[in-house]
Each structure stands twice: as structure tokens, then as C-alpha cells.
Amino acid sequence: MYYIYVIYSSSADKYYVGYTDDPQRRLTEHNSIPFNTYTSKHRPWVLKAAFACSDDIKIARRIEKFIKNQRSRKLIEQLIDPIFNPTGVLAQLVRVPDFRD
């Protein structure tokens, strides 16, 4: 299963959206991998939301790209709101509360 995840950096007040098959592992990587990347510059990150997406990596990539192309902090903040009900392209996302906090 692939997941769409949203992480947040309070030090930079920034969100990051990605896809993975293991949100906890990916969060650890964002917080520890020594490469010079976007996320390494804004540590520490916390997992704000994770959504079960699909068994197909292509679908996960497409949804991640859709969210990133919106360039919308408002959309990301809606996604992390537990009462938000995704529609349209995002309708297949299923919140996975076990990954949060």
C-alpha cells in the first residue's frame, strides 16, 4: 500500500507532501538523512497526516503531483484537518490515524 503523507516543520512554518510505502520510515529519513535537501534545511519535521492511497505507485505519484501542483497551503491545511472530506481527485484518500502523532 502506498500513502500520501503531510509533514510540518514548526521551525520554518512549512508543510511538505510526499508519497511512500512506510510513512514512519519516511519521516525518520526526512529528519536524519545527511544529504542537502529541501527537507534537511527545515528540520525537525512532524507527521501531520497520512492517507492510504493505492497499491499502485503510479496513482500515488499522480495524487502527490496533483497536491503539489495546487501550490496551496490552504489545501494542505484542509487535508490535515480530521473533519475534511476529500473530493474529486483526492476522493480515494483514506485517512490513517495510527500514523499521526
PDB file of N, CA and C in Angstrom:
ATOM      1  N   MET A   1       0.852  -1.184   0.000  1.00  0.00           N
ATOM      2  CA  MET A   1       0.000   0.000   0.000  1.00  0.00           C
ATOM      3  C   MET A   1       0.890   1.236   0.000  1.00  0.00           C
ATOM      4  N   TYR A   2       0.509   2.209  -0.808  1.00  0.00           N
ATOM      5  CA  TYR A   2       1.202   3.494  -0.822  1.00  0.00           C
ATOM      6  C   TYR A   2       0.352   4.535  -0.116  1.00  0.00           C
ATOM      7  N   TYR A   3       1.042   5.467   0.506  1.00  0.00           N
ATOM      8  CA  TYR A   3       0.413   6.506   1.305  1.00  0.00           C
ATOM      9  C   TYR A   3       0.850   7.874   0.826  1.00  0.00           C
ATOM     10  N   ILE A   4      -0.048   8.829   0.961  1.00  0.00           N
ATOM     11  CA  ILE A   4       0.282  10.245   0.819  1.00  0.00           C
ATOM     12  C   ILE A   4       0.446  10.748   2.248  1.00  0.00           C
ATOM     13  N   TYR A   5       1.527  11.470   2.502  1.00  0.00           N
ATOM     14  CA  TYR A   5       1.743  11.969   3.854  1.00  0.00           C
ATOM     15  C   TYR A   5       2.010  13.476   3.827  1.00  0.00           C
ATOM     16  N   VAL A   6       1.696  14.121   4.945  1.00  0.00           N
ATOM     17  CA  VAL A   6       1.944  15.551   5.118  1.00  0.00           C
ATOM     18  C   VAL A   6       2.772  15.696   6.381  1.00  0.00           C
ATOM     19  N   ILE A   7       3.939  16.353   6.233  1.00  0.00           N
ATOM     20  CA  ILE A   7       4.773  16.640   7.396  1.00  0.00           C
ATOM     21  C   ILE A   7       4.871  18.153   7.550  1.00  0.00           C
ATOM     22  N   TYR A   8       5.195  18.577   8.772  1.00  0.00           N
ATOM     23  CA  TYR A   8       5.226  20.009   9.089  1.00  0.00           C
ATOM     24  C   TYR A   8       6.486  20.342   9.868  1.00  0.00           C
ATOM     25  N   SER A   9       7.097  21.463   9.516  1.00  0.00           N
ATOM     26  CA  SER A   9       8.248  21.994  10.237  1.00  0.00           C
ATOM     27  C   SER A   9       7.806  23.259  10.961  1.00  0.00           C
ATOM     28  N   SER A  10       7.770  23.208  12.282  1.00  0.00           N
ATOM     29  CA  SER A  10       7.393  24.411  13.038  1.00  0.00           C
ATOM     30  C   SER A  10       8.507  25.455  13.015  1.00  0.00           C
ATOM     31  N   SER A  11       9.760  25.025  12.866  1.00  0.00           N
ATOM     32  CA  SER A  11      10.869  25.981  12.833  1.00  0.00           C
ATOM     33  C   SER A  11      10.816  26.847  11.575  1.00  0.00           C
ATOM     34  N   ALA A  12      10.305  26.303  10.481  1.00  0.00           N
ATOM     35  CA  ALA A  12      10.211  27.052   9.220  1.00  0.00           C
ATOM     36  C   ALA A  12       8.773  27.389   8.849  1.00  0.00           C
ATOM     37  N   ASP A  13       7.793  26.876   9.605  1.00  0.00           N
ATOM     38  CA  ASP A  13       6.371  27.038   9.310  1.00  0.00           C
ATOM     39  C   ASP A  13       6.063  26.611   7.873  1.00  0.00           C
ATOM     40  N   LYS A  14       6.520  25.396   7.523  1.00  0.00           N
ATOM     41  CA  LYS A  14       6.335  24.866   6.177  1.00  0.00           C
ATOM     42  C   LYS A  14       5.765  23.452   6.241  1.00  0.00           C
ATOM     43  N   TYR A  15       5.005  23.128   5.203  1.00  0.00           N
ATOM     44  CA  TYR A  15       4.475  21.786   5.026  1.00  0.00           C
ATOM     45  C   TYR A  15       5.204  21.128   3.869  1.00  0.00           C
ATOM     46  N   TYR A  16       5.235  19.802   3.893  1.00  0.00           N
ATOM     47  CA  TYR A  16       5.793  19.026   2.794  1.00  0.00           C
ATOM     48  C   TYR A  16       4.866  17.844   2.555  1.00  0.00           C
ATOM     49  N   VAL A  17       4.584  17.561   1.303  1.00  0.00           N
ATOM     50  CA  VAL A  17       3.723  16.445   0.918  1.00  0.00           C
ATOM     51  C   VAL A  17       4.552  15.447   0.125  1.00  0.00           C
ATOM     52  N   GLY A  18       4.379  14.164   0.429  1.00  0.00           N
ATOM     53  CA  GLY A  18       5.093  13.133  -0.302  1.00  0.00           C
ATOM     54  C   GLY A  18       4.280  11.857  -0.359  1.00  0.00           C
ATOM     55  N   TYR A  19       4.846  10.842  -1.003  1.00  0.00           N
ATOM     56  CA  TYR A  19       4.213   9.521  -1.021  1.00  0.00           C
ATOM     57  C   TYR A  19       5.269   8.500  -0.617  1.00  0.00           C
ATOM     58  N   THR A  20       4.814   7.414  -0.039  1.00  0.00           N
ATOM     59  CA  THR A  20       5.716   6.371   0.436  1.00  0.00           C
ATOM     60  C   THR A  20       4.933   5.102   0.717  1.00  0.00           C
ATOM     61  N   ASP A  21       5.652   4.021   0.922  1.00  0.00           N
ATOM     62  CA  ASP A  21       5.004   2.786   1.370  1.00  0.00           C
ATOM     63  C   ASP A  21       5.128   2.626   2.886  1.00  0.00           C
ATOM     64  N   ASP A  22       5.822   3.566   3.556  1.00  0.00           N
ATOM     65  CA  ASP A  22       6.000   3.500   5.014  1.00  0.00           C
ATOM     66  C   ASP A  22       6.177   4.916   5.579  1.00  0.00           C
ATOM     67  N   PRO A  23       5.085   5.573   5.995  1.00  0.00           N
ATOM     68  CA  PRO A  23       5.183   6.959   6.470  1.00  0.00           C
ATOM     69  C   PRO A  23       6.115   7.163   7.662  1.00  0.00           C
ATOM     70  N   GLN A  24       6.166   6.238   8.605  1.00  0.00           N
ATOM     71  CA  GLN A  24       7.052   6.407   9.766  1.00  0.00           C
ATOM     72  C   GLN A  24       8.523   6.364   9.353  1.00  0.00           C
ATOM     73  N   ARG A  25       8.877   5.435   8.490  1.00  0.00           N
ATOM     74  CA  ARG A  25      10.249   5.337   7.996  1.00  0.00           C
ATOM     75  C   ARG A  25      10.627   6.603   7.235  1.00  0.00           C
ATOM     76  N   ARG A  26       9.697   7.065   6.424  1.00  0.00           N
ATOM     77  CA  ARG A  26       9.973   8.250   5.610  1.00  0.00           C
ATOM     78  C   ARG A  26      10.165   9.483   6.489  1.00  0.00           C
ATOM     79  N   LEU A  27       9.379   9.617   7.551  1.00  0.00           N
ATOM     80  CA  LEU A  27       9.547  10.727   8.488  1.00  0.00           C
ATOM     81  C   LEU A  27      10.939  10.679   9.116  1.00  0.00           C
ATOM     82  N   THR A  28      11.355   9.497   9.527  1.00  0.00           N
ATOM     83  CA  THR A  28      12.698   9.335  10.099  1.00  0.00           C
ATOM     84  C   THR A  28      13.763   9.758   9.094  1.00  0.00           C
ATOM     85  N   GLU A  29      13.582   9.374   7.845  1.00  0.00           N
ATOM     86  CA  GLU A  29      14.545   9.766   6.808  1.00  0.00           C
ATOM     87  C   GLU A  29      14.585  11.282   6.633  1.00  0.00           C
ATOM     88  N   HIS A  30      13.424  11.920   6.602  1.00  0.00           N
ATOM     89  CA  HIS A  30      13.398  13.381   6.452  1.00  0.00           C
ATOM     90  C   HIS A  30      14.147  14.065   7.597  1.00  0.00           C
ATOM     91  N   ASN A  31      14.087  13.475   8.767  1.00  0.00           N
ATOM     92  CA  ASN A  31      14.714  14.084   9.940  1.00  0.00           C
ATOM     93  C   ASN A  31      16.168  13.682  10.154  1.00  0.00           C
ATOM     94  N   SER A  32      16.673  12.718   9.390  1.00  0.00           N
ATOM     95  CA  SER A  32      18.018  12.246   9.700  1.00  0.00           C
ATOM     96  C   SER A  32      18.979  12.074   8.529  1.00  0.00           C
ATOM     97  N   ILE A  33      18.508  11.925   7.322  1.00  0.00           N
ATOM     98  CA  ILE A  33      19.418  11.696   6.202  1.00  0.00           C
ATOM     99  C   ILE A  33      20.317  12.919   6.012  1.00  0.00           C
ATOM    100  N   PRO A  34      21.627  12.702   5.891  1.00  0.00           N
ATOM    101  CA  PRO A  34      22.588  13.818   5.885  1.00  0.00           C
ATOM    102  C   PRO A  34      22.733  14.569   4.559  1.00  0.00           C
ATOM    103  N   PHE A  35      21.925  14.273   3.562  1.00  0.00           N
ATOM    104  CA  PHE A  35      22.057  14.962   2.281  1.00  0.00           C
ATOM    105  C   PHE A  35      21.484  16.375   2.351  1.00  0.00           C
ATOM    106  N   ASN A  36      21.947  17.245   1.487  1.00  0.00           N
ATOM    107  CA  ASN A  36      21.464  18.619   1.423  1.00  0.00           C
ATOM    108  C   ASN A  36      20.200  18.643   0.556  1.00  0.00           C
ATOM    109  N   THR A  37      19.051  18.564   1.214  1.00  0.00           N
ATOM    110  CA  THR A  37      17.766  18.523   0.520  1.00  0.00           C
ATOM    111  C   THR A  37      16.853  19.606   1.077  1.00  0.00           C
ATOM    112  N   TYR A  38      15.714  19.779   0.432  1.00  0.00           N
ATOM    113  CA  TYR A  38      14.741  20.761   0.923  1.00  0.00           C
ATOM    114  C   TYR A  38      14.353  20.457   2.363  1.00  0.00           C
ATOM    115  N   THR A  39      14.034  19.204   2.641  1.00  0.00           N
ATOM    116  CA  THR A  39      13.567  18.889   3.991  1.00  0.00           C
ATOM    117  C   THR A  39      14.684  18.939   5.021  1.00  0.00           C
ATOM    118  N   SER A  40      15.922  18.700   4.612  1.00  0.00           N
ATOM    119  CA  SER A  40      17.020  18.747   5.592  1.00  0.00           C
ATOM    120  C   SER A  40      17.247  20.165   6.104  1.00  0.00           C
ATOM    121  N   LYS A  41      16.843  21.153   5.349  1.00  0.00           N
ATOM    122  CA  LYS A  41      17.047  22.560   5.732  1.00  0.00           C
ATOM    123  C   LYS A  41      16.004  23.065   6.723  1.00  0.00           C
ATOM    124  N   HIS A  42      14.944  22.305   6.923  1.00  0.00           N
ATOM    125  CA  HIS A  42      13.830  22.788   7.749  1.00  0.00           C
ATOM    126  C   HIS A  42      13.470  21.826   8.883  1.00  0.00           C
ATOM    127  N   ARG A  43      14.435  21.083   9.355  1.00  0.00           N
ATOM    128  CA  ARG A  43      14.193  20.130  10.444  1.00  0.00           C
ATOM    129  C   ARG A  43      13.917  20.839  11.751  1.00  0.00           C
ATOM    130  N   PRO A  44      13.217  20.207  12.663  1.00  0.00           N
ATOM    131  CA  PRO A  44      12.624  18.871  12.623  1.00  0.00           C
ATOM    132  C   PRO A  44      11.239  18.882  11.979  1.00  0.00           C
ATOM    133  N   TRP A  45      10.846  17.740  11.468  1.00  0.00           N
ATOM    134  CA  TRP A  45       9.541  17.542  10.844  1.00  0.00           C
ATOM    135  C   TRP A  45       8.693  16.654  11.737  1.00  0.00           C
ATOM    136  N   VAL A  46       7.386  16.893  11.728  1.00  0.00           N
ATOM    137  CA  VAL A  46       6.433  16.025  12.425  1.00  0.00           C
ATOM    138  C   VAL A  46       5.365  15.591  11.421  1.00  0.00           C
ATOM    139  N   LEU A  47       4.914  14.376  11.573  1.00  0.00           N
ATOM    140  CA  LEU A  47       3.876  13.842  10.688  1.00  0.00           C
ATOM    141  C   LEU A  47       2.532  14.409  11.106  1.00  0.00           C
ATOM    142  N   LYS A  48       1.880  15.113  10.195  1.00  0.00           N
ATOM    143  CA  LYS A  48       0.580  15.710  10.490  1.00  0.00           C
ATOM    144  C   LYS A  48      -0.576  14.850   9.994  1.00  0.00           C
ATOM    145  N   ALA A  49      -0.386  14.126   8.883  1.00  0.00           N
ATOM    146  CA  ALA A  49      -1.457  13.268   8.354  1.00  0.00           C
ATOM    147  C   ALA A  49      -0.860  12.251   7.399  1.00  0.00           C
ATOM    148  N   ALA A  50      -1.525  11.113   7.322  1.00  0.00           N
ATOM    149  CA  ALA A  50      -1.173  10.081   6.355  1.00  0.00           C
ATOM    150  C   ALA A  50      -2.476   9.513   5.798  1.00  0.00           C
ATOM    151  N   PHE A  51      -2.464   9.247   4.514  1.00  0.00           N
ATOM    152  CA  PHE A  51      -3.659   8.740   3.832  1.00  0.00           C
ATOM    153  C   PHE A  51      -3.304   7.503   3.028  1.00  0.00           C
ATOM    154  N   ALA A  52      -4.053   6.430   3.227  1.00  0.00           N
ATOM    155  CA  ALA A  52      -3.917   5.270   2.353  1.00  0.00           C
ATOM    156  C   ALA A  52      -4.376   5.708   0.972  1.00  0.00           C
ATOM    157  N   CYS A  53      -3.605   5.351  -0.019  1.00  0.00           N
ATOM    158  CA  CYS A  53      -3.864   5.880  -1.357  1.00  0.00           C
ATOM    159  C   CYS A  53      -4.182   4.762  -2.349  1.00  0.00           C
ATOM    160  N   SER A  54      -3.221   3.862  -2.563  1.00  0.00           N
ATOM    161  CA  SER A  54      -3.399   2.830  -3.581  1.00  0.00           C
ATOM    162  C   SER A  54      -2.279   1.800  -3.475  1.00  0.00           C
ATOM    163  N   ASP A  55      -2.511   0.650  -4.048  1.00  0.00           N
ATOM    164  CA  ASP A  55      -1.438  -0.340  -4.190  1.00  0.00           C
ATOM    165  C   ASP A  55      -0.583  -0.035  -5.417  1.00  0.00           C
ATOM    166  N   ASP A  56      -1.013   0.904  -6.213  1.00  0.00           N
ATOM    167  CA  ASP A  56      -0.327   1.269  -7.452  1.00  0.00           C
ATOM    168  C   ASP A  56       0.485   2.551  -7.232  1.00  0.00           C
ATOM    169  N   ILE A  57       1.796   2.454  -7.375  1.00  0.00           N
ATOM    170  CA  ILE A  57       2.670   3.604  -7.154  1.00  0.00           C
ATOM    171  C   ILE A  57       2.363   4.751  -8.121  1.00  0.00           C
ATOM    172  N   LYS A  58       1.912   4.434  -9.314  1.00  0.00           N
ATOM    173  CA  LYS A  58       1.594   5.478 -10.292  1.00  0.00           C
ATOM    174  C   LYS A  58       0.453   6.371  -9.803  1.00  0.00           C
ATOM    175  N   ILE A  59      -0.512   5.767  -9.154  1.00  0.00           N
ATOM    176  CA  ILE A  59      -1.637   6.549  -8.625  1.00  0.00           C
ATOM    177  C   ILE A  59      -1.157   7.433  -7.481  1.00  0.00           C
ATOM    178  N   ALA A  60      -0.318   6.899  -6.614  1.00  0.00           N
ATOM    179  CA  ALA A  60       0.225   7.693  -5.513  1.00  0.00           C
ATOM    180  C   ALA A  60       1.022   8.880  -6.042  1.00  0.00           C
ATOM    181  N   ARG A  61       1.850   8.651  -7.031  1.00  0.00           N
ATOM    182  CA  ARG A  61       2.634   9.743  -7.635  1.00  0.00           C
ATOM    183  C   ARG A  61       1.719  10.801  -8.250  1.00  0.00           C
ATOM    184  N   ARG A  62       0.676  10.349  -8.932  1.00  0.00           N
ATOM    185  CA  ARG A  62      -0.241  11.287  -9.579  1.00  0.00           C
ATOM    186  C   ARG A  62      -0.953  12.171  -8.552  1.00  0.00           C
ATOM    187  N   ILE A  63      -1.387  11.582  -7.444  1.00  0.00           N
ATOM    188  CA  ILE A  63      -2.079  12.364  -6.415  1.00  0.00           C
ATOM    189  C   ILE A  63      -1.109  13.311  -5.722  1.00  0.00           C
ATOM    190  N   GLU A  64       0.107  12.834  -5.426  1.00  0.00           N
ATOM    191  CA  GLU A  64       1.116  13.716  -4.832  1.00  0.00           C
ATOM    192  C   GLU A  64       1.388  14.905  -5.766  1.00  0.00           C
ATOM    193  N   LYS A  65       1.550  14.623  -7.041  1.00  0.00           N
ATOM    194  CA  LYS A  65       1.814  15.686  -8.018  1.00  0.00           C
ATOM    195  C   LYS A  65       0.636  16.660  -8.087  1.00  0.00           C
ATOM    196  N   PHE A  66      -0.577  16.139  -8.046  1.00  0.00           N
ATOM    197  CA  PHE A  66      -1.756  16.993  -8.070  1.00  0.00           C
ATOM    198  C   PHE A  66      -1.739  17.959  -6.889  1.00  0.00           C
ATOM    199  N   ILE A  67      -1.481  17.429  -5.687  1.00  0.00           N
ATOM    200  CA  ILE A  67      -1.462  18.280  -4.492  1.00  0.00           C
ATOM    201  C   ILE A  67      -0.359  19.327  -4.601  1.00  0.00           C
ATOM    202  N   LYS A  68       0.833  18.916  -5.006  1.00  0.00           N
ATOM    203  CA  LYS A  68       1.950  19.859  -5.127  1.00  0.00           C
ATOM    204  C   LYS A  68       1.685  20.915  -6.203  1.00  0.00           C
ATOM    205  N   ASN A  69       1.050  20.527  -7.289  1.00  0.00           N
ATOM    206  CA  ASN A  69       0.768  21.482  -8.364  1.00  0.00           C
ATOM    207  C   ASN A  69      -0.249  22.544  -7.960  1.00  0.00           C
ATOM    208  N   GLN A  70      -1.046  22.258  -6.944  1.00  0.00           N
ATOM    209  CA  GLN A  70      -2.018  23.249  -6.474  1.00  0.00           C
ATOM    210  C   GLN A  70      -1.314  24.434  -5.803  1.00  0.00           C
ATOM    211  N   ARG A  71      -0.109  24.177  -5.287  1.00  0.00           N
ATOM    212  CA  ARG A  71       0.658  25.221  -4.579  1.00  0.00           C
ATOM    213  C   ARG A  71      -0.230  25.945  -3.566  1.00  0.00           C
ATOM    214  N   SER A  72      -0.950  25.157  -2.788  1.00  0.00           N
ATOM    215  CA  SER A  72      -1.946  25.725  -1.896  1.00  0.00           C
ATOM    216  C   SER A  72      -1.746  25.262  -0.457  1.00  0.00           C
ATOM    217  N   ARG A  73      -1.321  26.176   0.375  1.00  0.00           N
ATOM    218  CA  ARG A  73      -1.207  25.879   1.801  1.00  0.00           C
ATOM    219  C   ARG A  73      -2.594  25.590   2.378  1.00  0.00           C
ATOM    220  N   LYS A  74      -3.590  26.291   1.851  1.00  0.00           N
ATOM    221  CA  LYS A  74      -4.961  26.085   2.322  1.00  0.00           C
ATOM    222  C   LYS A  74      -5.403  24.639   2.083  1.00  0.00           C
ATOM    223  N   LEU A  75      -5.110  24.098   0.909  1.00  0.00           N
ATOM    224  CA  LEU A  75      -5.461  22.705   0.615  1.00  0.00           C
ATOM    225  C   LEU A  75      -4.751  21.760   1.579  1.00  0.00           C
ATOM    226  N   ILE A  76      -3.481  21.981   1.819  1.00  0.00           N
ATOM    227  CA  ILE A  76      -2.730  21.119   2.729  1.00  0.00           C
ATOM    228  C   ILE A  76      -3.306  21.202   4.139  1.00  0.00           C
ATOM    229  N   GLU A  77      -3.653  22.407   4.578  1.00  0.00           N
ATOM    230  CA  GLU A  77      -4.246  22.559   5.909  1.00  0.00           C
ATOM    231  C   GLU A  77      -5.618  21.894   5.984  1.00  0.00           C
ATOM    232  N   GLN A  78      -6.351  21.892   4.878  1.00  0.00           N
ATOM    233  CA  GLN A  78      -7.623  21.164   4.846  1.00  0.00           C
ATOM    234  C   GLN A  78      -7.369  19.661   4.954  1.00  0.00           C
ATOM    235  N   LEU A  79      -6.354  19.171   4.261  1.00  0.00           N
ATOM    236  CA  LEU A  79      -6.042  17.744   4.308  1.00  0.00           C
ATOM    237  C   LEU A  79      -5.705  17.273   5.716  1.00  0.00           C
ATOM    238  N   ILE A  80      -5.024  18.099   6.488  1.00  0.00           N
ATOM    239  CA  ILE A  80      -4.647  17.659   7.834  1.00  0.00           C
ATOM    240  C   ILE A  80      -5.770  17.851   8.848  1.00  0.00           C
ATOM    241  N   ASP A  81      -6.825  18.549   8.452  1.00  0.00           N
ATOM    242  CA  ASP A  81      -7.986  18.724   9.319  1.00  0.00           C
ATOM    243  C   ASP A  81      -8.772  17.407   9.349  1.00  0.00           C
ATOM    244  N   PRO A  82      -8.946  16.803  10.536  1.00  0.00           N
ATOM    245  CA  PRO A  82      -9.612  15.491  10.615  1.00  0.00           C
ATOM    246  C   PRO A  82     -11.049  15.469  10.093  1.00  0.00           C
ATOM    247  N   ILE A  83     -11.725  16.607  10.045  1.00  0.00           N
ATOM    248  CA  ILE A  83     -13.111  16.599   9.563  1.00  0.00           C
ATOM    249  C   ILE A  83     -13.233  16.894   8.065  1.00  0.00           C
ATOM    250  N   PHE A  84     -12.109  17.184   7.400  1.00  0.00           N
ATOM    251  CA  PHE A  84     -12.138  17.453   5.961  1.00  0.00           C
ATOM    252  C   PHE A  84     -12.448  16.169   5.211  1.00  0.00           C
ATOM    253  N   ASN A  85     -13.352  16.260   4.237  1.00  0.00           N
ATOM    254  CA  ASN A  85     -13.744  15.128   3.420  1.00  0.00           C
ATOM    255  C   ASN A  85     -13.246  15.359   1.996  1.00  0.00           C
ATOM    256  N   PRO A  86     -12.147  14.699   1.588  1.00  0.00           N
ATOM    257  CA  PRO A  86     -11.598  14.924   0.245  1.00  0.00           C
ATOM    258  C   PRO A  86     -12.598  14.557  -0.848  1.00  0.00           C
ATOM    259  N   THR A  87     -12.595  15.337  -1.917  1.00  0.00           N
ATOM    260  CA  THR A  87     -13.465  15.079  -3.066  1.00  0.00           C
ATOM    261  C   THR A  87     -12.637  15.138  -4.340  1.00  0.00           C
ATOM    262  N   GLY A  88     -13.272  14.847  -5.457  1.00  0.00           N
ATOM    263  CA  GLY A  88     -12.602  14.922  -6.750  1.00  0.00           C
ATOM    264  C   GLY A  88     -11.428  13.955  -6.830  1.00  0.00           C
ATOM    265  N   VAL A  89     -10.301  14.450  -7.304  1.00  0.00           N
ATOM    266  CA  VAL A  89      -9.091  13.628  -7.454  1.00  0.00           C
ATOM    267  C   VAL A  89      -8.662  13.033  -6.118  1.00  0.00           C
ATOM    268  N   LEU A  90      -8.931  13.738  -5.031  1.00  0.00           N
ATOM    269  CA  LEU A  90      -8.490  13.310  -3.708  1.00  0.00           C
ATOM    270  C   LEU A  90      -9.484  12.375  -3.006  1.00  0.00           C
ATOM    271  N   ALA A  91     -10.608  12.086  -3.644  1.00  0.00           N
ATOM    272  CA  ALA A  91     -11.675  11.309  -3.004  1.00  0.00           C
ATOM    273  C   ALA A  91     -11.232   9.919  -2.565  1.00  0.00           C
ATOM    274  N   GLN A  92     -10.254   9.329  -3.240  1.00  0.00           N
ATOM    275  CA  GLN A  92      -9.832   7.980  -2.879  1.00  0.00           C
ATOM    276  C   GLN A  92      -8.898   7.933  -1.672  1.00  0.00           C
ATOM    277  N   LEU A  93      -8.496   9.093  -1.148  1.00  0.00           N
ATOM    278  CA  LEU A  93      -7.628   9.113   0.032  1.00  0.00           C
ATOM    279  C   LEU A  93      -8.408   8.708   1.278  1.00  0.00           C
ATOM    280  N   VAL A  94      -7.823   7.823   2.065  1.00  0.00           N
ATOM    281  CA  VAL A  94      -8.429   7.363   3.299  1.00  0.00           C
ATOM    282  C   VAL A  94      -7.464   7.683   4.444  1.00  0.00           C
ATOM    283  N   ARG A  95      -7.906   8.537   5.353  1.00  0.00           N
ATOM    284  CA  ARG A  95      -7.055   8.951   6.483  1.00  0.00           C
ATOM    285  C   ARG A  95      -6.649   7.737   7.312  1.00  0.00           C
ATOM    286  N   VAL A  96      -5.374   7.709   7.687  1.00  0.00           N
ATOM    287  CA  VAL A  96      -4.839   6.649   8.530  1.00  0.00           C
ATOM    288  C   VAL A  96      -4.404   7.288   9.848  1.00  0.00           C
ATOM    289  N   PRO A  97      -5.280   7.281  10.838  1.00  0.00           N
ATOM    290  CA  PRO A  97      -4.969   7.998  12.084  1.00  0.00           C
ATOM    291  C   PRO A  97      -3.838   7.392  12.901  1.00  0.00           C
ATOM    292  N   ASP A  98      -3.533   6.117  12.709  1.00  0.00           N
ATOM    293  CA  ASP A  98      -2.489   5.473  13.504  1.00  0.00           C
ATOM    294  C   ASP A  98      -1.109   6.065  13.280  1.00  0.00           C
ATOM    295  N   PHE A  99      -0.872   6.701  12.153  1.00  0.00           N
ATOM    296  CA  PHE A  99       0.440   7.248  11.853  1.00  0.00           C
ATOM    297  C   PHE A  99       0.675   8.606  12.473  1.00  0.00           C
ATOM    298  N   ARG A 100      -0.363   9.283  12.870  1.00  0.00           N
ATOM    299  CA  ARG A 100      -0.226  10.636  13.403  1.00  0.00           C
ATOM    300  C   ARG A 100       0.333  10.626  14.812  1.00  0.00           C
ATOM    301  N   ASP A 101       0.968  11.741  15.150  1.00  0.00           N
ATOM    302  CA  ASP A 101       1.473  11.998  16.494  1.00  0.00           C
ATOM    303  C   ASP A 101       2.291  10.852  16.938  1.00  0.00           C
TER     304      ASP A 101
END
